Structure formats: structure tokens, C-alpha cells
Full PDB file with SEQRES, HELIX, SHEET, SSBOND, CRYST1, ORIGX, SCALE, CONECT and MASTER records, all heavy atoms in Angstrom:
SEQRES   1 A   30  LEU THR PHE GLN LYS ALA GLY ASP GLN PRO ILE SER ARG          
SEQRES   2 A   30  ARG VAL ILE SER GLU LYS THR ALA ARG ASP VAL ARG ALA          
SEQRES   3 A   30  MET MET GLU THR                                              
HELIX    1 AA1 GLU A   18  GLU A   29  1                                  12    
CRYST1    1.000    1.000    1.000  90.00  90.00  90.00 P 1           1          
ORIGX1      1.000000  0.000000  0.000000        0.00000                         
ORIGX2      0.000000  1.000000  0.000000        0.00000                         
ORIGX3      0.000000  0.000000  1.000000        0.00000                         
SCALE1      1.000000  0.000000  0.000000        0.00000                         
SCALE2      0.000000  1.000000  0.000000        0.00000                         
SCALE3      0.000000  0.000000  1.000000        0.00000                         
ATOM      1  N   LEU A   1      71.532  31.134  29.771  1.00  0.00           N  
ATOM      2  CA  LEU A   1      71.682  32.148  30.747  1.00  0.00           C  
ATOM      3  C   LEU A   1      71.255  33.590  30.126  1.00  0.00           C  
ATOM      4  O   LEU A   1      71.336  33.701  28.913  1.00  0.00           O  
ATOM      5  CB  LEU A   1      73.077  32.215  31.217  1.00  0.00           C  
ATOM      6  CG  LEU A   1      73.671  31.024  31.973  1.00  0.00           C  
ATOM      7  CD1 LEU A   1      75.077  31.405  32.522  1.00  0.00           C  
ATOM      8  CD2 LEU A   1      72.741  30.424  32.993  1.00  0.00           C  
ATOM      9  N   THR A   2      70.919  34.526  30.981  1.00  0.00           N  
ATOM     10  CA  THR A   2      70.572  35.831  30.533  1.00  0.00           C  
ATOM     11  C   THR A   2      70.902  36.855  31.607  1.00  0.00           C  
ATOM     12  O   THR A   2      70.881  36.575  32.766  1.00  0.00           O  
ATOM     13  CB  THR A   2      69.038  35.930  30.173  1.00  0.00           C  
ATOM     14  OG1 THR A   2      68.733  37.188  29.677  1.00  0.00           O  
ATOM     15  CG2 THR A   2      68.112  35.604  31.422  1.00  0.00           C  
ATOM     16  N   PHE A   3      71.234  38.127  31.104  1.00  0.00           N  
ATOM     17  CA  PHE A   3      71.544  39.206  32.021  1.00  0.00           C  
ATOM     18  C   PHE A   3      70.343  40.096  32.020  1.00  0.00           C  
ATOM     19  O   PHE A   3      70.415  41.111  32.839  1.00  0.00           O  
ATOM     20  CB  PHE A   3      72.802  39.915  31.490  1.00  0.00           C  
ATOM     21  CG  PHE A   3      74.030  39.325  31.894  1.00  0.00           C  
ATOM     22  CD1 PHE A   3      74.709  38.431  31.006  1.00  0.00           C  
ATOM     23  CD2 PHE A   3      74.629  39.570  33.073  1.00  0.00           C  
ATOM     24  CE1 PHE A   3      75.890  37.935  31.345  1.00  0.00           C  
ATOM     25  CE2 PHE A   3      75.867  39.062  33.503  1.00  0.00           C  
ATOM     26  CZ  PHE A   3      76.482  38.131  32.575  1.00  0.00           C  
ATOM     27  N   GLN A   4      69.260  39.825  31.339  1.00  0.00           N  
ATOM     28  CA  GLN A   4      68.113  40.626  31.427  1.00  0.00           C  
ATOM     29  C   GLN A   4      66.991  39.967  32.227  1.00  0.00           C  
ATOM     30  O   GLN A   4      66.881  38.683  32.255  1.00  0.00           O  
ATOM     31  CB  GLN A   4      67.557  41.067  30.111  1.00  0.00           C  
ATOM     32  CG  GLN A   4      68.583  41.775  29.231  1.00  0.00           C  
ATOM     33  CD  GLN A   4      68.059  42.274  27.927  1.00  0.00           C  
ATOM     34  OE1 GLN A   4      66.830  42.540  27.790  1.00  0.00           O  
ATOM     35  NE2 GLN A   4      68.888  42.614  26.889  1.00  0.00           N  
ATOM     36  N   LYS A   5      66.131  40.735  32.822  1.00  0.00           N  
ATOM     37  CA  LYS A   5      65.110  40.097  33.755  1.00  0.00           C  
ATOM     38  C   LYS A   5      64.188  39.356  32.777  1.00  0.00           C  
ATOM     39  O   LYS A   5      63.722  39.772  31.865  1.00  0.00           O  
ATOM     40  CB  LYS A   5      64.380  41.197  34.379  1.00  0.00           C  
ATOM     41  CG  LYS A   5      63.378  40.750  35.430  1.00  0.00           C  
ATOM     42  CD  LYS A   5      62.622  41.827  36.161  1.00  0.00           C  
ATOM     43  CE  LYS A   5      61.654  41.308  37.134  1.00  0.00           C  
ATOM     44  NZ  LYS A   5      60.997  42.410  37.906  1.00  0.00           N  
ATOM     45  N   ALA A   6      64.049  38.083  33.221  1.00  0.00           N  
ATOM     46  CA  ALA A   6      63.285  37.162  32.375  1.00  0.00           C  
ATOM     47  C   ALA A   6      61.775  37.312  32.597  1.00  0.00           C  
ATOM     48  O   ALA A   6      61.367  37.527  33.683  1.00  0.00           O  
ATOM     49  CB  ALA A   6      63.730  35.685  32.660  1.00  0.00           C  
ATOM     50  N   GLY A   7      61.029  37.120  31.495  1.00  0.00           N  
ATOM     51  CA  GLY A   7      59.616  37.144  31.558  1.00  0.00           C  
ATOM     52  C   GLY A   7      59.032  35.781  31.462  1.00  0.00           C  
ATOM     53  O   GLY A   7      58.309  35.258  32.318  1.00  0.00           O  
ATOM     54  N   ASP A   8      59.300  35.180  30.272  1.00  0.00           N  
ATOM     55  CA  ASP A   8      58.777  33.825  30.100  1.00  0.00           C  
ATOM     56  C   ASP A   8      59.732  32.838  30.558  1.00  0.00           C  
ATOM     57  O   ASP A   8      60.982  33.007  30.641  1.00  0.00           O  
ATOM     58  CB  ASP A   8      58.558  33.705  28.566  1.00  0.00           C  
ATOM     59  CG  ASP A   8      57.537  34.612  27.986  1.00  0.00           C  
ATOM     60  OD1 ASP A   8      56.584  35.044  28.706  1.00  0.00           O  
ATOM     61  OD2 ASP A   8      57.673  35.116  26.819  1.00  0.00           O  
ATOM     62  N   GLN A   9      59.209  31.637  30.753  1.00  0.00           N  
ATOM     63  CA  GLN A   9      60.049  30.480  31.153  1.00  0.00           C  
ATOM     64  C   GLN A   9      60.889  29.958  30.071  1.00  0.00           C  
ATOM     65  O   GLN A   9      60.341  29.795  28.947  1.00  0.00           O  
ATOM     66  CB  GLN A   9      59.102  29.244  31.623  1.00  0.00           C  
ATOM     67  CG  GLN A   9      59.792  28.169  32.205  1.00  0.00           C  
ATOM     68  CD  GLN A   9      60.605  28.472  33.601  1.00  0.00           C  
ATOM     69  OE1 GLN A   9      60.132  29.350  34.213  1.00  0.00           O  
ATOM     70  NE2 GLN A   9      61.668  27.666  33.852  1.00  0.00           N  
ATOM     71  N   PRO A  10      62.205  29.856  30.172  1.00  0.00           N  
ATOM     72  CA  PRO A  10      62.986  29.490  29.148  1.00  0.00           C  
ATOM     73  C   PRO A  10      62.853  28.077  28.593  1.00  0.00           C  
ATOM     74  O   PRO A  10      62.372  27.261  29.362  1.00  0.00           O  
ATOM     75  CB  PRO A  10      64.446  29.727  29.683  1.00  0.00           C  
ATOM     76  CG  PRO A  10      64.310  29.534  31.113  1.00  0.00           C  
ATOM     77  CD  PRO A  10      62.946  30.093  31.409  1.00  0.00           C  
ATOM     78  N   ILE A  11      63.203  27.821  27.351  1.00  0.00           N  
ATOM     79  CA  ILE A  11      62.999  26.482  26.835  1.00  0.00           C  
ATOM     80  C   ILE A  11      64.300  25.687  27.230  1.00  0.00           C  
ATOM     81  O   ILE A  11      65.369  25.966  27.016  1.00  0.00           O  
ATOM     82  CB  ILE A  11      62.828  26.534  25.263  1.00  0.00           C  
ATOM     83  CG1 ILE A  11      61.595  27.290  24.874  1.00  0.00           C  
ATOM     84  CG2 ILE A  11      62.886  25.137  24.642  1.00  0.00           C  
ATOM     85  CD1 ILE A  11      61.539  27.562  23.459  1.00  0.00           C  
ATOM     86  N   SER A  12      63.953  24.433  27.802  1.00  0.00           N  
ATOM     87  CA  SER A  12      65.076  23.617  28.325  1.00  0.00           C  
ATOM     88  C   SER A  12      65.442  22.617  27.274  1.00  0.00           C  
ATOM     89  O   SER A  12      64.733  22.361  26.315  1.00  0.00           O  
ATOM     90  CB  SER A  12      64.673  22.984  29.614  1.00  0.00           C  
ATOM     91  OG  SER A  12      63.524  21.999  29.343  1.00  0.00           O  
ATOM     92  N   ARG A  13      66.688  22.025  27.509  1.00  0.00           N  
ATOM     93  CA  ARG A  13      67.194  21.030  26.465  1.00  0.00           C  
ATOM     94  C   ARG A  13      67.896  19.986  27.385  1.00  0.00           C  
ATOM     95  O   ARG A  13      68.791  20.191  28.199  1.00  0.00           O  
ATOM     96  CB  ARG A  13      68.291  21.684  25.626  1.00  0.00           C  
ATOM     97  CG  ARG A  13      69.015  20.763  24.716  1.00  0.00           C  
ATOM     98  CD  ARG A  13      69.832  21.574  23.701  1.00  0.00           C  
ATOM     99  NE  ARG A  13      70.671  22.551  24.402  1.00  0.00           N  
ATOM    100  CZ  ARG A  13      71.915  22.225  24.761  1.00  0.00           C  
ATOM    101  NH1 ARG A  13      72.410  21.010  24.531  1.00  0.00           N  
ATOM    102  NH2 ARG A  13      72.632  23.190  25.345  1.00  0.00           N  
ATOM    103  N   ARG A  14      67.448  18.713  27.161  1.00  0.00           N  
ATOM    104  CA  ARG A  14      67.812  17.630  27.872  1.00  0.00           C  
ATOM    105  C   ARG A  14      69.311  17.174  27.476  1.00  0.00           C  
ATOM    106  O   ARG A  14      69.567  17.045  26.266  1.00  0.00           O  
ATOM    107  CB  ARG A  14      66.897  16.396  27.903  1.00  0.00           C  
ATOM    108  CG  ARG A  14      67.406  15.266  28.748  1.00  0.00           C  
ATOM    109  CD  ARG A  14      66.226  14.333  29.193  1.00  0.00           C  
ATOM    110  NE  ARG A  14      65.373  15.050  30.058  1.00  0.00           N  
ATOM    111  CZ  ARG A  14      65.529  15.319  31.401  1.00  0.00           C  
ATOM    112  NH1 ARG A  14      66.722  14.906  31.928  1.00  0.00           N  
ATOM    113  NH2 ARG A  14      64.676  15.999  32.048  1.00  0.00           N  
ATOM    114  N   VAL A  15      70.138  16.883  28.436  1.00  0.00           N  
ATOM    115  CA  VAL A  15      71.528  16.537  28.189  1.00  0.00           C  
ATOM    116  C   VAL A  15      71.776  15.047  28.700  1.00  0.00           C  
ATOM    117  O   VAL A  15      72.335  14.188  27.918  1.00  0.00           O  
ATOM    118  CB  VAL A  15      72.518  17.452  28.792  1.00  0.00           C  
ATOM    119  CG1 VAL A  15      73.957  16.974  28.501  1.00  0.00           C  
ATOM    120  CG2 VAL A  15      72.290  18.844  28.182  1.00  0.00           C  
ATOM    121  N   ILE A  16      71.320  14.753  29.983  1.00  0.00           N  
ATOM    122  CA  ILE A  16      71.513  13.471  30.466  1.00  0.00           C  
ATOM    123  C   ILE A  16      70.169  13.155  31.215  1.00  0.00           C  
ATOM    124  O   ILE A  16      69.336  14.027  31.365  1.00  0.00           O  
ATOM    125  CB  ILE A  16      72.624  13.446  31.544  1.00  0.00           C  
ATOM    126  CG1 ILE A  16      72.385  14.497  32.651  1.00  0.00           C  
ATOM    127  CG2 ILE A  16      74.015  13.574  30.928  1.00  0.00           C  
ATOM    128  CD1 ILE A  16      73.481  14.529  33.871  1.00  0.00           C  
ATOM    129  N   SER A  17      69.978  11.929  31.666  1.00  0.00           N  
ATOM    130  CA  SER A  17      68.830  11.443  32.181  1.00  0.00           C  
ATOM    131  C   SER A  17      68.722  11.980  33.629  1.00  0.00           C  
ATOM    132  O   SER A  17      69.628  12.419  34.234  1.00  0.00           O  
ATOM    133  CB  SER A  17      68.760   9.940  32.294  1.00  0.00           C  
ATOM    134  OG  SER A  17      69.659   9.469  33.236  1.00  0.00           O  
ATOM    135  N   GLU A  18      67.381  12.106  34.089  1.00  0.00           N  
ATOM    136  CA  GLU A  18      67.103  12.534  35.480  1.00  0.00           C  
ATOM    137  C   GLU A  18      67.785  11.676  36.474  1.00  0.00           C  
ATOM    138  O   GLU A  18      68.261  12.261  37.454  1.00  0.00           O  
ATOM    139  CB  GLU A  18      65.686  12.556  35.765  1.00  0.00           C  
ATOM    140  CG  GLU A  18      65.192  13.132  37.020  1.00  0.00           C  
ATOM    141  CD  GLU A  18      63.680  13.090  37.253  1.00  0.00           C  
ATOM    142  OE1 GLU A  18      62.961  13.233  36.228  1.00  0.00           O  
ATOM    143  OE2 GLU A  18      63.257  13.128  38.422  1.00  0.00           O  
ATOM    144  N   LYS A  19      67.836  10.302  36.226  1.00  0.00           N  
ATOM    145  CA  LYS A  19      68.524   9.514  37.211  1.00  0.00           C  
ATOM    146  C   LYS A  19      69.973   9.753  37.323  1.00  0.00           C  
ATOM    147  O   LYS A  19      70.538   9.869  38.461  1.00  0.00           O  
ATOM    148  CB  LYS A  19      68.302   8.064  36.805  1.00  0.00           C  
ATOM    149  CG  LYS A  19      68.827   7.056  37.811  1.00  0.00           C  
ATOM    150  CD  LYS A  19      68.709   5.548  37.375  1.00  0.00           C  
ATOM    151  CE  LYS A  19      69.210   4.648  38.453  1.00  0.00           C  
ATOM    152  NZ  LYS A  19      70.589   4.738  38.799  1.00  0.00           N  
ATOM    153  N   THR A  20      70.676   9.861  36.112  1.00  0.00           N  
ATOM    154  CA  THR A  20      72.062  10.254  36.134  1.00  0.00           C  
ATOM    155  C   THR A  20      72.350  11.588  36.862  1.00  0.00           C  
ATOM    156  O   THR A  20      73.254  11.636  37.732  1.00  0.00           O  
ATOM    157  CB  THR A  20      72.677  10.309  34.714  1.00  0.00           C  
ATOM    158  OG1 THR A  20      72.498   9.103  34.145  1.00  0.00           O  
ATOM    159  CG2 THR A  20      74.151  10.750  34.756  1.00  0.00           C  
ATOM    160  N   ALA A  21      71.562  12.489  36.646  1.00  0.00           N  
ATOM    161  CA  ALA A  21      71.773  13.836  37.281  1.00  0.00           C  
ATOM    162  C   ALA A  21      71.621  13.701  38.798  1.00  0.00           C  
ATOM    163  O   ALA A  21      72.434  14.289  39.519  1.00  0.00           O  
ATOM    164  CB  ALA A  21      70.742  14.884  36.766  1.00  0.00           C  
ATOM    165  N   ARG A  22      70.625  13.020  39.252  1.00  0.00           N  
ATOM    166  CA  ARG A  22      70.338  12.827  40.748  1.00  0.00           C  
ATOM    167  C   ARG A  22      71.500  11.955  41.373  1.00  0.00           C  
ATOM    168  O   ARG A  22      71.920  12.290  42.433  1.00  0.00           O  
ATOM    169  CB  ARG A  22      68.996  12.246  40.919  1.00  0.00           C  
ATOM    170  CG  ARG A  22      67.817  13.119  40.586  1.00  0.00           C  
ATOM    171  CD  ARG A  22      66.437  12.562  41.003  1.00  0.00           C  
ATOM    172  NE  ARG A  22      65.453  13.404  40.723  1.00  0.00           N  
ATOM    173  CZ  ARG A  22      64.980  14.245  41.603  1.00  0.00           C  
ATOM    174  NH1 ARG A  22      65.449  14.316  42.835  1.00  0.00           N  
ATOM    175  NH2 ARG A  22      63.948  15.060  41.369  1.00  0.00           N  
ATOM    176  N   ASP A  23      71.970  10.987  40.627  1.00  0.00           N  
ATOM    177  CA  ASP A  23      73.055  10.211  41.163  1.00  0.00           C  
ATOM    178  C   ASP A  23      74.385  11.161  41.313  1.00  0.00           C  
ATOM    179  O   ASP A  23      75.076  11.070  42.407  1.00  0.00           O  
ATOM    180  CB  ASP A  23      73.430   9.057  40.213  1.00  0.00           C  
ATOM    181  CG  ASP A  23      72.301   7.933  40.327  1.00  0.00           C  
ATOM    182  OD1 ASP A  23      71.634   7.846  41.279  1.00  0.00           O  
ATOM    183  OD2 ASP A  23      72.293   7.041  39.402  1.00  0.00           O  
ATOM    184  N   VAL A  24      74.695  11.906  40.342  1.00  0.00           N  
ATOM    185  CA  VAL A  24      75.884  12.705  40.421  1.00  0.00           C  
ATOM    186  C   VAL A  24      75.618  13.793  41.487  1.00  0.00           C  
ATOM    187  O   VAL A  24      76.600  14.132  42.237  1.00  0.00           O  
ATOM    188  CB  VAL A  24      76.192  13.398  39.087  1.00  0.00           C  
ATOM    189  CG1 VAL A  24      77.365  14.389  39.177  1.00  0.00           C  
ATOM    190  CG2 VAL A  24      76.531  12.351  38.005  1.00  0.00           C  
ATOM    191  N   ARG A  25      74.473  14.334  41.646  1.00  0.00           N  
ATOM    192  CA  ARG A  25      74.174  15.362  42.633  1.00  0.00           C  
ATOM    193  C   ARG A  25      74.416  14.750  44.058  1.00  0.00           C  
ATOM    194  O   ARG A  25      74.899  15.404  44.889  1.00  0.00           O  
ATOM    195  CB  ARG A  25      72.681  15.745  42.528  1.00  0.00           C  
ATOM    196  CG  ARG A  25      72.387  17.033  43.450  1.00  0.00           C  
ATOM    197  CD  ARG A  25      70.892  17.210  43.511  1.00  0.00           C  
ATOM    198  NE  ARG A  25      70.330  17.409  42.120  1.00  0.00           N  
ATOM    199  CZ  ARG A  25      69.007  17.537  41.807  1.00  0.00           C  
ATOM    200  NH1 ARG A  25      68.212  17.409  42.845  1.00  0.00           N  
ATOM    201  NH2 ARG A  25      68.570  17.650  40.659  1.00  0.00           N  
ATOM    202  N   ALA A  26      73.970  13.469  44.238  1.00  0.00           N  
ATOM    203  CA  ALA A  26      74.270  12.802  45.516  1.00  0.00           C  
ATOM    204  C   ALA A  26      75.707  12.691  45.807  1.00  0.00           C  
ATOM    205  O   ALA A  26      76.180  12.846  46.946  1.00  0.00           O  
ATOM    206  CB  ALA A  26      73.560  11.490  45.583  1.00  0.00           C  
ATOM    207  N   MET A  27      76.486  12.343  44.732  1.00  0.00           N  
ATOM    208  CA  MET A  27      77.876  12.328  44.856  1.00  0.00           C  
ATOM    209  C   MET A  27      78.545  13.548  45.283  1.00  0.00           C  
ATOM    210  O   MET A  27      79.377  13.654  46.130  1.00  0.00           O  
ATOM    211  CB  MET A  27      78.565  11.697  43.633  1.00  0.00           C  
ATOM    212  CG  MET A  27      78.153  10.394  43.104  1.00  0.00           C  
ATOM    213  SD  MET A  27      78.986   9.977  41.573  1.00  0.00           S  
ATOM    214  CE  MET A  27      77.956   8.580  41.110  1.00  0.00           C  
ATOM    215  N   MET A  28      78.061  14.669  44.635  1.00  0.00           N  
ATOM    216  CA  MET A  28      78.661  16.021  44.890  1.00  0.00           C  
ATOM    217  C   MET A  28      78.241  16.478  46.229  1.00  0.00           C  
ATOM    218  O   MET A  28      79.000  17.404  46.748  1.00  0.00           O  
ATOM    219  CB  MET A  28      78.145  16.950  43.766  1.00  0.00           C  
ATOM    220  CG  MET A  28      78.706  16.633  42.395  1.00  0.00           C  
ATOM    221  SD  MET A  28      77.895  17.621  41.077  1.00  0.00           S  
ATOM    222  CE  MET A  28      78.379  19.191  41.361  1.00  0.00           C  
ATOM    223  N   GLU A  29      77.240  15.964  46.789  1.00  0.00           N  
ATOM    224  CA  GLU A  29      76.863  16.334  48.159  1.00  0.00           C  
ATOM    225  C   GLU A  29      77.859  15.869  49.223  1.00  0.00           C  
ATOM    226  O   GLU A  29      78.037  16.478  50.177  1.00  0.00           O  
ATOM    227  CB  GLU A  29      75.410  15.858  48.476  1.00  0.00           C  
ATOM    228  CG  GLU A  29      74.840  16.443  49.823  1.00  0.00           C  
ATOM    229  CD  GLU A  29      73.451  16.137  50.132  1.00  0.00           C  
ATOM    230  OE1 GLU A  29      72.846  15.256  49.290  1.00  0.00           O  
ATOM    231  OE2 GLU A  29      72.950  16.562  51.048  1.00  0.00           O  
ATOM    232  N   THR A  30      78.459  14.662  48.721  1.00  0.00           N  
ATOM    233  CA  THR A  30      79.467  14.063  49.759  1.00  0.00           C  
ATOM    234  C   THR A  30      80.756  14.962  49.828  1.00  0.00           C  
ATOM    235  O   THR A  30      81.472  14.836  50.638  1.00  0.00           O  
ATOM    236  CB  THR A  30      79.779  12.685  49.341  1.00  0.00           C  
ATOM    237  OG1 THR A  30      80.518  12.636  48.090  1.00  0.00           O  
ATOM    238  CG2 THR A  30      78.501  11.741  49.367  1.00  0.00           C  
TER     239      THR A  30                                                      
MASTER        0    0    0    1    0    0    0    6  238    1    0    3          
END                                                                             
């Protein structure tokens, strides 16, 4: 996170798989 206006795209870091994230997202929608 940043409090200053971002210029470049930040570097991401993977924590869980895309499938797991989408599955939990679907649960949270309910």
C-alpha cells in the first residue's frame, strides 16, 4: 500500500493460487 500517488505498477507477490482466491471470493459474495 502507499499514501503517495503511484507512478509505476507495483511489484506483486503471490500468496495463494488463483483458483483458491476465486473460490473464497465466491464464498464471500454469499
